[in-house]
Amino acid sequence: MGEQIPAIFLFGVKVNTETEDEVLEFIVKGLQNSKKKGYIVTLNPEIIVHANNDRRFRDVLNNARLGLPDGMGVIWC
């Protein structure tokens, strides 16, 4: 998944803000055009709070190709 899509940072954690269709297009293009491996994380408030207190965990989350909100708490933020 060669390109990056826009993101915001909540408490130092990258959260992608694109629509579902844009995220799906990014994933499909990445699977078709890249041999580079990557991973996607889903972020809920508990994960973000934990990452705020654990730099290594935060780095793992921020190195993901996508950080997708998992629940309304993150979306409302």
Foldseek 3Di string as FASTA:
>chain_A
DPDAADFDADLLATAHDDDPVVVVVVVVCCVVPDPDDFAEAEDEPVQSVVCNVPVVSRVNRRRGSHYYYDDVVVVVD
